[in-house]
Every structure is written in C-alpha cells, then in structure tokens.
PDB file of N, CA and C in Angstrom:
ATOM      1  N   MET A   1      58.460  -7.590  -0.996  1.00  0.00           N
ATOM      2  CA  MET A   1      57.797  -6.367  -0.459  1.00  0.00           C
ATOM      3  C   MET A   1      56.842  -6.689   0.682  1.00  0.00           C
ATOM      4  N   SER A   2      56.677  -5.553   1.757  1.00  0.00           N
ATOM      5  CA  SER A   2      55.889  -5.914   2.784  1.00  0.00           C
ATOM      6  C   SER A   2      54.427  -5.552   2.590  1.00  0.00           C
ATOM      7  N   VAL A   3      53.652  -5.951   3.374  1.00  0.00           N
ATOM      8  CA  VAL A   3      52.245  -5.412   3.311  1.00  0.00           C
ATOM      9  C   VAL A   3      51.979  -3.899   3.801  1.00  0.00           C
ATOM     10  N   VAL A   4      51.390  -3.145   3.017  1.00  0.00           N
ATOM     11  CA  VAL A   4      51.185  -1.736   3.357  1.00  0.00           C
ATOM     12  C   VAL A   4      49.738  -1.566   4.006  1.00  0.00           C
ATOM     13  N   SER A   5      49.622  -0.689   5.025  1.00  0.00           N
ATOM     14  CA  SER A   5      48.535  -0.257   5.835  1.00  0.00           C
ATOM     15  C   SER A   5      47.889   0.615   5.026  1.00  0.00           C
ATOM     16  N   ILE A   6      46.618   0.540   4.460  1.00  0.00           N
ATOM     17  CA  ILE A   6      45.913   1.493   3.763  1.00  0.00           C
ATOM     18  C   ILE A   6      44.691   1.911   4.490  1.00  0.00           C
ATOM     19  N   ASN A   7      44.750   3.205   4.524  1.00  0.00           N
ATOM     20  CA  ASN A   7      43.414   3.874   4.964  1.00  0.00           C
ATOM     21  C   ASN A   7      42.746   4.924   4.129  1.00  0.00           C
ATOM     22  N   GLY A   8      41.759   5.828   4.643  1.00  0.00           N
ATOM     23  CA  GLY A   8      41.230   6.801   3.870  1.00  0.00           C
ATOM     24  C   GLY A   8      42.263   7.949   3.322  1.00  0.00           C
ATOM     25  N   GLY A   9      43.305   8.140   4.276  1.00  0.00           N
ATOM     26  CA  GLY A   9      44.349   9.070   3.901  1.00  0.00           C
ATOM     27  C   GLY A   9      45.229   8.864   2.662  1.00  0.00           C
ATOM     28  N   ASN A  10      45.601   7.429   2.606  1.00  0.00           N
ATOM     29  CA  ASN A  10      46.553   7.114   1.684  1.00  0.00           C
ATOM     30  C   ASN A  10      45.845   6.257   0.522  1.00  0.00           C
ATOM     31  N   PHE A  11      44.618   6.133   0.450  1.00  0.00           N
ATOM     32  CA  PHE A  11      43.967   5.039  -0.381  1.00  0.00           C
ATOM     33  C   PHE A  11      44.133   5.500  -1.835  1.00  0.00           C
ATOM     34  N   GLU A  12      43.830   6.822  -2.164  1.00  0.00           N
ATOM     35  CA  GLU A  12      43.928   7.286  -3.337  1.00  0.00           C
ATOM     36  C   GLU A  12      45.353   7.252  -4.113  1.00  0.00           C
ATOM     37  N   GLN A  13      46.395   7.601  -3.318  1.00  0.00           N
ATOM     38  CA  GLN A  13      47.744   7.616  -3.681  1.00  0.00           C
ATOM     39  C   GLN A  13      48.141   6.175  -3.923  1.00  0.00           C
ATOM     40  N   THR A  14      48.013   5.171  -2.816  1.00  0.00           N
ATOM     41  CA  THR A  14      48.423   3.945  -2.757  1.00  0.00           C
ATOM     42  C   THR A  14      47.731   2.925  -3.797  1.00  0.00           C
ATOM     43  N   VAL A  15      46.449   3.174  -3.710  1.00  0.00           N
ATOM     44  CA  VAL A  15      45.657   2.374  -4.573  1.00  0.00           C
ATOM     45  C   VAL A  15      45.176   2.723  -5.997  1.00  0.00           C
ATOM     46  N   LEU A  16      44.401   3.908  -6.067  1.00  0.00           N
ATOM     47  CA  LEU A  16      43.910   4.303  -7.359  1.00  0.00           C
ATOM     48  C   LEU A  16      44.920   4.836  -8.208  1.00  0.00           C
ATOM     49  N   LYS A  17      45.980   5.459  -7.780  1.00  0.00           N
ATOM     50  CA  LYS A  17      47.109   6.248  -8.552  1.00  0.00           C
ATOM     51  C   LYS A  17      48.202   5.371  -8.895  1.00  0.00           C
ATOM     52  N   SER A  18      48.097   4.054  -8.521  1.00  0.00           N
ATOM     53  CA  SER A  18      49.346   3.175  -8.456  1.00  0.00           C
ATOM     54  C   SER A  18      49.573   2.778  -9.894  1.00  0.00           C
ATOM     55  N   ASN A  19      50.960   2.628 -10.196  1.00  0.00           N
ATOM     56  CA  ASN A  19      51.328   2.206 -11.722  1.00  0.00           C
ATOM     57  C   ASN A  19      51.236   0.579 -11.771  1.00  0.00           C
ATOM     58  N   SER A  20      51.334  -0.057 -10.668  1.00  0.00           N
ATOM     59  CA  SER A  20      51.443  -1.309 -10.409  1.00  0.00           C
ATOM     60  C   SER A  20      49.829  -1.917  -9.844  1.00  0.00           C
ATOM     61  N   PRO A  21      49.656  -3.238 -10.150  1.00  0.00           N
ATOM     62  CA  PRO A  21      48.581  -3.961  -9.490  1.00  0.00           C
ATOM     63  C   PRO A  21      48.443  -3.828  -8.191  1.00  0.00           C
ATOM     64  N   VAL A  22      47.508  -3.568  -7.408  1.00  0.00           N
ATOM     65  CA  VAL A  22      47.425  -3.521  -6.045  1.00  0.00           C
ATOM     66  C   VAL A  22      46.343  -4.514  -5.478  1.00  0.00           C
ATOM     67  N   LEU A  23      46.701  -5.448  -4.421  1.00  0.00           N
ATOM     68  CA  LEU A  23      45.821  -6.322  -3.901  1.00  0.00           C
ATOM     69  C   LEU A  23      45.437  -5.969  -2.606  1.00  0.00           C
ATOM     70  N   VAL A  24      44.316  -5.687  -2.200  1.00  0.00           N
ATOM     71  CA  VAL A  24      43.826  -5.032  -1.207  1.00  0.00           C
ATOM     72  C   VAL A  24      42.939  -6.113  -0.254  1.00  0.00           C
ATOM     73  N   ASP A  25      43.545  -6.295   1.089  1.00  0.00           N
ATOM     74  CA  ASP A  25      42.838  -7.258   1.756  1.00  0.00           C
ATOM     75  C   ASP A  25      41.919  -6.279   2.831  1.00  0.00           C
ATOM     76  N   PHE A  26      40.535  -6.553   2.852  1.00  0.00           N
ATOM     77  CA  PHE A  26      39.701  -5.998   3.752  1.00  0.00           C
ATOM     78  C   PHE A  26      39.498  -6.956   4.813  1.00  0.00           C
ATOM     79  N   TRP A  27      39.781  -6.452   5.961  1.00  0.00           N
ATOM     80  CA  TRP A  27      39.911  -7.395   7.215  1.00  0.00           C
ATOM     81  C   TRP A  27      39.448  -6.637   8.528  1.00  0.00           C
ATOM     82  N   ALA A  28      39.534  -7.343   9.727  1.00  0.00           N
ATOM     83  CA  ALA A  28      39.154  -6.911  10.987  1.00  0.00           C
ATOM     84  C   ALA A  28      39.865  -7.763  12.105  1.00  0.00           C
ATOM     85  N   SER A  29      40.386  -7.075  12.852  1.00  0.00           N
ATOM     86  CA  SER A  29      41.066  -7.802  14.176  1.00  0.00           C
ATOM     87  C   SER A  29      40.384  -8.998  14.885  1.00  0.00           C
ATOM     88  N   TRP A  30      38.817  -8.745  14.905  1.00  0.00           N
ATOM     89  CA  TRP A  30      38.209  -9.811  15.417  1.00  0.00           C
ATOM     90  C   TRP A  30      37.757 -10.967  14.612  1.00  0.00           C
ATOM     91  N   CYS A  31      38.093 -10.968  13.253  1.00  0.00           N
ATOM     92  CA  CYS A  31      37.744 -12.024  12.342  1.00  0.00           C
ATOM     93  C   CYS A  31      38.691 -12.954  12.177  1.00  0.00           C
ATOM     94  N   GLY A  32      38.102 -14.353  12.529  1.00  0.00           N
ATOM     95  CA  GLY A  32      39.079 -15.496  12.512  1.00  0.00           C
ATOM     96  C   GLY A  32      39.496 -15.822  11.244  1.00  0.00           C
ATOM     97  N   PRO A  33      38.497 -15.930  10.230  1.00  0.00           N
ATOM     98  CA  PRO A  33      39.033 -16.309   8.869  1.00  0.00           C
ATOM     99  C   PRO A  33      40.007 -15.174   8.370  1.00  0.00           C
ATOM    100  N   CYS A  34      39.828 -13.909   8.782  1.00  0.00           N
ATOM    101  CA  CYS A  34      40.864 -12.901   8.456  1.00  0.00           C
ATOM    102  C   CYS A  34      42.289 -13.294   8.907  1.00  0.00           C
ATOM    103  N   LYS A  35      42.276 -13.820  10.125  1.00  0.00           N
ATOM    104  CA  LYS A  35      43.701 -14.137  10.682  1.00  0.00           C
ATOM    105  C   LYS A  35      44.212 -15.390   9.988  1.00  0.00           C
ATOM    106  N   MET A  36      43.356 -16.248   9.554  1.00  0.00           N
ATOM    107  CA  MET A  36      43.888 -17.508   8.738  1.00  0.00           C
ATOM    108  C   MET A  36      44.444 -17.013   7.501  1.00  0.00           C
ATOM    109  N   LEU A  37      43.671 -16.113   6.880  1.00  0.00           N
ATOM    110  CA  LEU A  37      44.339 -15.663   5.519  1.00  0.00           C
ATOM    111  C   LEU A  37      45.546 -14.719   5.489  1.00  0.00           C
ATOM    112  N   SER A  38      45.653 -13.913   6.679  1.00  0.00           N
ATOM    113  CA  SER A  38      46.713 -13.250   6.724  1.00  0.00           C
ATOM    114  C   SER A  38      48.163 -13.562   6.273  1.00  0.00           C
ATOM    115  N   PRO A  39      48.691 -14.745   6.711  1.00  0.00           N
ATOM    116  CA  PRO A  39      49.789 -15.184   6.460  1.00  0.00           C
ATOM    117  C   PRO A  39      49.981 -15.440   4.878  1.00  0.00           C
ATOM    118  N   VAL A  40      48.845 -15.972   4.283  1.00  0.00           N
ATOM    119  CA  VAL A  40      48.827 -16.089   2.841  1.00  0.00           C
ATOM    120  C   VAL A  40      49.009 -14.764   2.139  1.00  0.00           C
ATOM    121  N   VAL A  41      48.406 -13.695   2.595  1.00  0.00           N
ATOM    122  CA  VAL A  41      48.384 -12.368   2.177  1.00  0.00           C
ATOM    123  C   VAL A  41      49.785 -11.932   2.199  1.00  0.00           C
ATOM    124  N   GLU A  42      50.487 -12.216   3.353  1.00  0.00           N
ATOM    125  CA  GLU A  42      51.897 -11.811   3.598  1.00  0.00           C
ATOM    126  C   GLU A  42      52.792 -12.522   2.557  1.00  0.00           C
ATOM    127  N   GLN A  43      52.611 -13.753   2.475  1.00  0.00           N
ATOM    128  CA  GLN A  43      53.412 -14.585   1.409  1.00  0.00           C
ATOM    129  C   GLN A  43      53.282 -13.975  -0.065  1.00  0.00           C
ATOM    130  N   LEU A  44      52.087 -13.750  -0.261  1.00  0.00           N
ATOM    131  CA  LEU A  44      51.934 -13.095  -1.749  1.00  0.00           C
ATOM    132  C   LEU A  44      52.667 -11.802  -1.807  1.00  0.00           C
ATOM    133  N   ALA A  45      52.775 -10.929  -0.757  1.00  0.00           N
ATOM    134  CA  ALA A  45      53.414  -9.700  -1.072  1.00  0.00           C
ATOM    135  C   ALA A  45      54.948  -9.931  -1.293  1.00  0.00           C
ATOM    136  N   VAL A  46      55.371 -10.977  -0.490  1.00  0.00           N
ATOM    137  CA  VAL A  46      56.769 -11.188  -0.620  1.00  0.00           C
ATOM    138  C   VAL A  46      57.092 -12.092  -1.968  1.00  0.00           C
ATOM    139  N   GLU A  47      56.299 -12.942  -2.355  1.00  0.00           N
ATOM    140  CA  GLU A  47      56.545 -13.656  -3.567  1.00  0.00           C
ATOM    141  C   GLU A  47      56.299 -12.931  -4.974  1.00  0.00           C
ATOM    142  N   HIS A  48      55.490 -11.803  -4.845  1.00  0.00           N
ATOM    143  CA  HIS A  48      54.999 -10.943  -6.031  1.00  0.00           C
ATOM    144  C   HIS A  48      55.379  -9.627  -5.689  1.00  0.00           C
ATOM    145  N   PRO A  49      56.722  -9.296  -5.902  1.00  0.00           N
ATOM    146  CA  PRO A  49      57.043  -7.880  -5.569  1.00  0.00           C
ATOM    147  C   PRO A  49      56.479  -6.987  -6.618  1.00  0.00           C
ATOM    148  N   GLU A  50      56.095  -7.456  -7.856  1.00  0.00           N
ATOM    149  CA  GLU A  50      55.650  -6.438  -8.793  1.00  0.00           C
ATOM    150  C   GLU A  50      54.139  -5.996  -8.544  1.00  0.00           C
ATOM    151  N   ILE A  51      53.369  -6.371  -7.355  1.00  0.00           N
ATOM    152  CA  ILE A  51      52.229  -6.198  -6.995  1.00  0.00           C
ATOM    153  C   ILE A  51      52.329  -5.431  -5.515  1.00  0.00           C
ATOM    154  N   THR A  52      51.641  -4.384  -5.519  1.00  0.00           N
ATOM    155  CA  THR A  52      51.495  -3.841  -4.067  1.00  0.00           C
ATOM    156  C   THR A  52      50.420  -4.658  -3.338  1.00  0.00           C
ATOM    157  N   VAL A  53      50.883  -4.975  -2.168  1.00  0.00           N
ATOM    158  CA  VAL A  53      49.729  -5.497  -1.298  1.00  0.00           C
ATOM    159  C   VAL A  53      49.474  -4.816  -0.093  1.00  0.00           C
ATOM    160  N   GLY A  54      48.086  -4.564   0.158  1.00  0.00           N
ATOM    161  CA  GLY A  54      47.724  -3.675   1.243  1.00  0.00           C
ATOM    162  C   GLY A  54      46.539  -4.228   2.120  1.00  0.00           C
ATOM    163  N   LYS A  55      46.387  -3.761   3.270  1.00  0.00           N
ATOM    164  CA  LYS A  55      45.313  -4.155   4.038  1.00  0.00           C
ATOM    165  C   LYS A  55      44.557  -2.926   4.640  1.00  0.00           C
ATOM    166  N   ILE A  56      43.170  -3.162   4.563  1.00  0.00           N
ATOM    167  CA  ILE A  56      42.287  -2.120   5.004  1.00  0.00           C
ATOM    168  C   ILE A  56      41.397  -2.717   6.290  1.00  0.00           C
ATOM    169  N   ASN A  57      41.667  -2.255   7.381  1.00  0.00           N
ATOM    170  CA  ASN A  57      40.805  -2.571   8.607  1.00  0.00           C
ATOM    171  C   ASN A  57      39.362  -1.852   8.435  1.00  0.00           C
ATOM    172  N   VAL A  58      38.440  -2.677   8.248  1.00  0.00           N
ATOM    173  CA  VAL A  58      37.000  -2.278   7.867  1.00  0.00           C
ATOM    174  C   VAL A  58      36.455  -1.550   9.213  1.00  0.00           C
ATOM    175  N   ASP A  59      36.927  -1.856  10.378  1.00  0.00           N
ATOM    176  CA  ASP A  59      36.520  -1.347  11.498  1.00  0.00           C
ATOM    177  C   ASP A  59      36.875   0.171  11.702  1.00  0.00           C
ATOM    178  N   GLU A  60      38.226   0.363  11.134  1.00  0.00           N
ATOM    179  CA  GLU A  60      38.786   1.748  11.233  1.00  0.00           C
ATOM    180  C   GLU A  60      38.518   2.529   9.949  1.00  0.00           C
ATOM    181  N   ASN A  61      37.995   1.853   8.893  1.00  0.00           N
ATOM    182  CA  ASN A  61      37.733   2.560   7.597  1.00  0.00           C
ATOM    183  C   ASN A  61      36.414   2.066   7.138  1.00  0.00           C
ATOM    184  N   PRO A  62      35.293   2.286   7.615  1.00  0.00           N
ATOM    185  CA  PRO A  62      34.075   1.714   7.164  1.00  0.00           C
ATOM    186  C   PRO A  62      33.567   2.544   5.829  1.00  0.00           C
ATOM    187  N   GLU A  63      34.157   3.559   5.723  1.00  0.00           N
ATOM    188  CA  GLU A  63      33.615   4.489   4.467  1.00  0.00           C
ATOM    189  C   GLU A  63      34.450   3.761   3.184  1.00  0.00           C
ATOM    190  N   LEU A  64      35.517   3.003   3.326  1.00  0.00           N
ATOM    191  CA  LEU A  64      36.077   2.353   2.133  1.00  0.00           C
ATOM    192  C   LEU A  64      35.492   1.104   1.938  1.00  0.00           C
ATOM    193  N   ALA A  65      35.123   0.263   3.115  1.00  0.00           N
ATOM    194  CA  ALA A  65      34.221  -0.869   2.977  1.00  0.00           C
ATOM    195  C   ALA A  65      32.892  -0.523   2.342  1.00  0.00           C
ATOM    196  N   ARG A  66      32.363   0.571   2.641  1.00  0.00           N
ATOM    197  CA  ARG A  66      30.974   0.665   2.129  1.00  0.00           C
ATOM    198  C   ARG A  66      31.257   1.233   0.552  1.00  0.00           C
ATOM    199  N   ARG A  67      32.135   2.035   0.417  1.00  0.00           N
ATOM    200  CA  ARG A  67      32.416   2.360  -1.128  1.00  0.00           C
ATOM    201  C   ARG A  67      32.611   1.187  -2.085  1.00  0.00           C
ATOM    202  N   PHE A  68      33.187  -0.077  -1.621  1.00  0.00           N
ATOM    203  CA  PHE A  68      33.429  -1.123  -2.481  1.00  0.00           C
ATOM    204  C   PHE A  68      32.631  -2.379  -1.978  1.00  0.00           C
ATOM    205  N   GLN A  69      31.413  -1.915  -1.519  1.00  0.00           N
ATOM    206  CA  GLN A  69      30.294  -2.807  -1.135  1.00  0.00           C
ATOM    207  C   GLN A  69      30.877  -4.188  -0.271  1.00  0.00           C
ATOM    208  N   ILE A  70      31.622  -4.194   0.582  1.00  0.00           N
ATOM    209  CA  ILE A  70      32.361  -5.083   1.173  1.00  0.00           C
ATOM    210  C   ILE A  70      31.202  -5.619   2.180  1.00  0.00           C
ATOM    211  N   MET A  71      30.716  -6.799   1.939  1.00  0.00           N
ATOM    212  CA  MET A  71      29.695  -7.321   2.879  1.00  0.00           C
ATOM    213  C   MET A  71      30.240  -8.454   3.769  1.00  0.00           C
ATOM    214  N   GLY A  72      31.308  -9.162   3.309  1.00  0.00           N
ATOM    215  CA  GLY A  72      31.716 -10.135   4.091  1.00  0.00           C
ATOM    216  C   GLY A  72      33.211 -10.176   4.138  1.00  0.00           C
ATOM    217  N   ILE A  73      33.947 -10.402   5.103  1.00  0.00           N
ATOM    218  CA  ILE A  73      35.398 -10.537   5.283  1.00  0.00           C
ATOM    219  C   ILE A  73      35.939 -11.772   5.598  1.00  0.00           C
ATOM    220  N   PRO A  74      37.205 -12.190   5.229  1.00  0.00           N
ATOM    221  CA  PRO A  74      38.179 -11.368   4.480  1.00  0.00           C
ATOM    222  C   PRO A  74      37.691 -11.301   3.045  1.00  0.00           C
ATOM    223  N   ALA A  75      37.783 -10.121   2.627  1.00  0.00           N
ATOM    224  CA  ALA A  75      37.640  -9.859   1.055  1.00  0.00           C
ATOM    225  C   ALA A  75      38.915  -9.293   0.415  1.00  0.00           C
ATOM    226  N   LEU A  76      39.133  -9.647  -0.731  1.00  0.00           N
ATOM    227  CA  LEU A  76      40.394  -9.295  -1.389  1.00  0.00           C
ATOM    228  C   LEU A  76      39.818  -8.776  -2.603  1.00  0.00           C
ATOM    229  N   LEU A  77      40.222  -7.458  -3.037  1.00  0.00           N
ATOM    230  CA  LEU A  77      40.117  -6.824  -4.293  1.00  0.00           C
ATOM    231  C   LEU A  77      41.309  -6.523  -5.064  1.00  0.00           C
ATOM    232  N   LEU A  78      41.431  -6.965  -6.261  1.00  0.00           N
ATOM    233  CA  LEU A  78      42.797  -6.548  -7.105  1.00  0.00           C
ATOM    234  C   LEU A  78      42.296  -5.332  -7.925  1.00  0.00           C
ATOM    235  N   PHE A  79      43.121  -4.467  -7.785  1.00  0.00           N
ATOM    236  CA  PHE A  79      42.862  -3.210  -8.595  1.00  0.00           C
ATOM    237  C   PHE A  79      43.988  -3.051  -9.649  1.00  0.00           C
ATOM    238  N   LYS A  80      43.670  -2.814 -10.933  1.00  0.00           N
ATOM    239  CA  LYS A  80      44.448  -2.348 -12.008  1.00  0.00           C
ATOM    240  C   LYS A  80      44.163  -1.112 -12.669  1.00  0.00           C
ATOM    241  N   ASN A  81      45.047  -0.139 -12.750  1.00  0.00           N
ATOM    242  CA  ASN A  81      44.862   1.281 -13.309  1.00  0.00           C
ATOM    243  C   ASN A  81      43.648   1.887 -12.625  1.00  0.00           C
ATOM    244  N   GLY A  82      43.638   1.663 -11.300  1.00  0.00           N
ATOM    245  CA  GLY A  82      42.725   2.326 -10.383  1.00  0.00           C
ATOM    246  C   GLY A  82      41.287   1.786 -10.257  1.00  0.00           C
ATOM    247  N   ALA A  83      41.097   0.527 -10.854  1.00  0.00           N
ATOM    248  CA  ALA A  83      39.670  -0.092 -10.938  1.00  0.00           C
ATOM    249  C   ALA A  83      39.722  -1.361 -10.379  1.00  0.00           C
ATOM    250  N   PRO A  84      38.957  -1.778  -9.624  1.00  0.00           N
ATOM    251  CA  PRO A  84      38.774  -3.154  -9.119  1.00  0.00           C
ATOM    252  C   PRO A  84      38.446  -4.380 -10.243  1.00  0.00           C
ATOM    253  N   VAL A  85      39.295  -5.205 -10.666  1.00  0.00           N
ATOM    254  CA  VAL A  85      39.284  -6.153 -11.672  1.00  0.00           C
ATOM    255  C   VAL A  85      38.899  -7.515 -11.231  1.00  0.00           C
ATOM    256  N   ALA A  86      38.998  -7.831 -10.135  1.00  0.00           N
ATOM    257  CA  ALA A  86      38.853  -9.167  -9.486  1.00  0.00           C
ATOM    258  C   ALA A  86      38.711  -9.115  -8.187  1.00  0.00           C
ATOM    259  N   SER A  87      37.942 -10.132  -7.540  1.00  0.00           N
ATOM    260  CA  SER A  87      37.676 -10.235  -6.183  1.00  0.00           C
ATOM    261  C   SER A  87      37.749 -11.638  -5.686  1.00  0.00           C
ATOM    262  N   SER A  88      37.746 -11.715  -4.223  1.00  0.00           N
ATOM    263  CA  SER A  88      37.690 -12.916  -3.645  1.00  0.00           C
ATOM    264  C   SER A  88      37.131 -12.720  -2.025  1.00  0.00           C
ATOM    265  N   VAL A  89      36.112 -13.523  -1.727  1.00  0.00           N
ATOM    266  CA  VAL A  89      35.734 -13.232  -0.525  1.00  0.00           C
ATOM    267  C   VAL A  89      35.772 -14.740   0.259  1.00  0.00           C
ATOM    268  N   GLY A  90      36.257 -14.570   1.714  1.00  0.00           N
ATOM    269  CA  GLY A  90      36.496 -15.741   2.343  1.00  0.00           C
ATOM    270  C   GLY A  90      37.925 -16.230   2.346  1.00  0.00           C
ATOM    271  N   VAL A  91      38.198 -17.278   3.044  1.00  0.00           N
ATOM    272  CA  VAL A  91      39.541 -17.776   3.081  1.00  0.00           C
ATOM    273  C   VAL A  91      39.534 -18.941   1.817  1.00  0.00           C
ATOM    274  N   LYS A  92      40.557 -18.635   1.053  1.00  0.00           N
ATOM    275  CA  LYS A  92      40.840 -19.360  -0.076  1.00  0.00           C
ATOM    276  C   LYS A  92      42.443 -19.935  -0.294  1.00  0.00           C
ATOM    277  N   PRO A  93      42.504 -21.092  -1.010  1.00  0.00           N
ATOM    278  CA  PRO A  93      43.903 -21.459  -0.960  1.00  0.00           C
ATOM    279  C   PRO A  93      44.712 -20.519  -1.839  1.00  0.00           C
ATOM    280  N   LYS A  94      45.995 -20.507  -1.381  1.00  0.00           N
ATOM    281  CA  LYS A  94      47.043 -19.781  -2.058  1.00  0.00           C
ATOM    282  C   LYS A  94      47.085 -19.747  -3.558  1.00  0.00           C
ATOM    283  N   ALA A  95      46.813 -20.774  -3.902  1.00  0.00           N
ATOM    284  CA  ALA A  95      46.825 -20.971  -5.447  1.00  0.00           C
ATOM    285  C   ALA A  95      45.749 -20.484  -6.039  1.00  0.00           C
ATOM    286  N   ALA A  96      44.552 -20.381  -5.545  1.00  0.00           N
ATOM    287  CA  ALA A  96      43.315 -19.650  -6.016  1.00  0.00           C
ATOM    288  C   ALA A  96      43.678 -18.230  -6.105  1.00  0.00           C
ATOM    289  N   LEU A  97      44.407 -17.644  -5.064  1.00  0.00           N
ATOM    290  CA  LEU A  97      44.524 -16.052  -4.957  1.00  0.00           C
ATOM    291  C   LEU A  97      45.656 -15.812  -6.106  1.00  0.00           C
ATOM    292  N   GLU A  98      46.646 -16.669  -6.146  1.00  0.00           N
ATOM    293  CA  GLU A  98      47.691 -16.439  -7.129  1.00  0.00           C
ATOM    294  C   GLU A  98      47.070 -16.426  -8.668  1.00  0.00           C
ATOM    295  N   ALA A  99      45.996 -17.244  -8.983  1.00  0.00           N
ATOM    296  CA  ALA A  99      45.349 -17.445 -10.115  1.00  0.00           C
ATOM    297  C   ALA A  99      44.630 -15.986 -10.289  1.00  0.00           C
ATOM    298  N   MET A 100      44.138 -15.429  -9.265  1.00  0.00           N
ATOM    299  CA  MET A 100      43.582 -14.206  -9.472  1.00  0.00           C
ATOM    300  C   MET A 100      44.491 -13.103  -9.658  1.00  0.00           C
ATOM    301  N   LEU A 101      45.748 -13.308  -9.419  1.00  0.00           N
ATOM    302  CA  LEU A 101      46.581 -11.977  -9.542  1.00  0.00           C
ATOM    303  C   LEU A 101      47.083 -12.228 -11.103  1.00  0.00           C
ATOM    304  N   ARG A 102      46.752 -13.136 -11.767  1.00  0.00           N
ATOM    305  CA  ARG A 102      47.284 -13.171 -13.317  1.00  0.00           C
ATOM    306  C   ARG A 102      46.347 -12.428 -14.186  1.00  0.00           C
TER     307      ARG A 102
END
C-alpha cells in the first residue's frame, strides 16, 4: 500500500474512523531527519498492507500537530480504534518501528 497524505479535511475519516491501524508520520519539508525517515516509512507501508500509513505536513496542518502535542519531528503516532496507542520521536531503526506496530 502507498503512503496517504493526511490533512485536516480527511483526518477524521482516514485515521479516527479507520477499521485498521493507522501509522501517522508528522513531518516537514525542511526537516533533515524527516527526510532520513521517509524511505523507512514508505517501506513499512509496502511491507505492512494491513496498516494504513499516512503523512501529515506540520507546516500545512499546525492544528493537527497541536492537537496531538507534537513538539519534535519526525514524530510517528500509531492509532488503533481512533486513539493513539504508541509513538516515536526522531529517527529510529526500521526494526524499532516494526516493533511499535505489533
């Protein structure tokens, strides 16, 4: 599955009302660590089709970043049944992110 672009307009339907787990990557285009993590997030999307993987640009969607108290990026939140159940901040190895998905 490919990575979905998430914004204020589709957040509720894509994340909160999803029947499957959703991994959300909060990022920004100017963020070097975000660029380093991006290929790993894309790999997770392909290798875990049972999980929806989406990206939220914090510059374009500051209200969502505030809502989930994102203080540093890249930040990953895993949602299940509409609620965040796990999080990761900063660049982490793929294995650590896969462990978070379990």
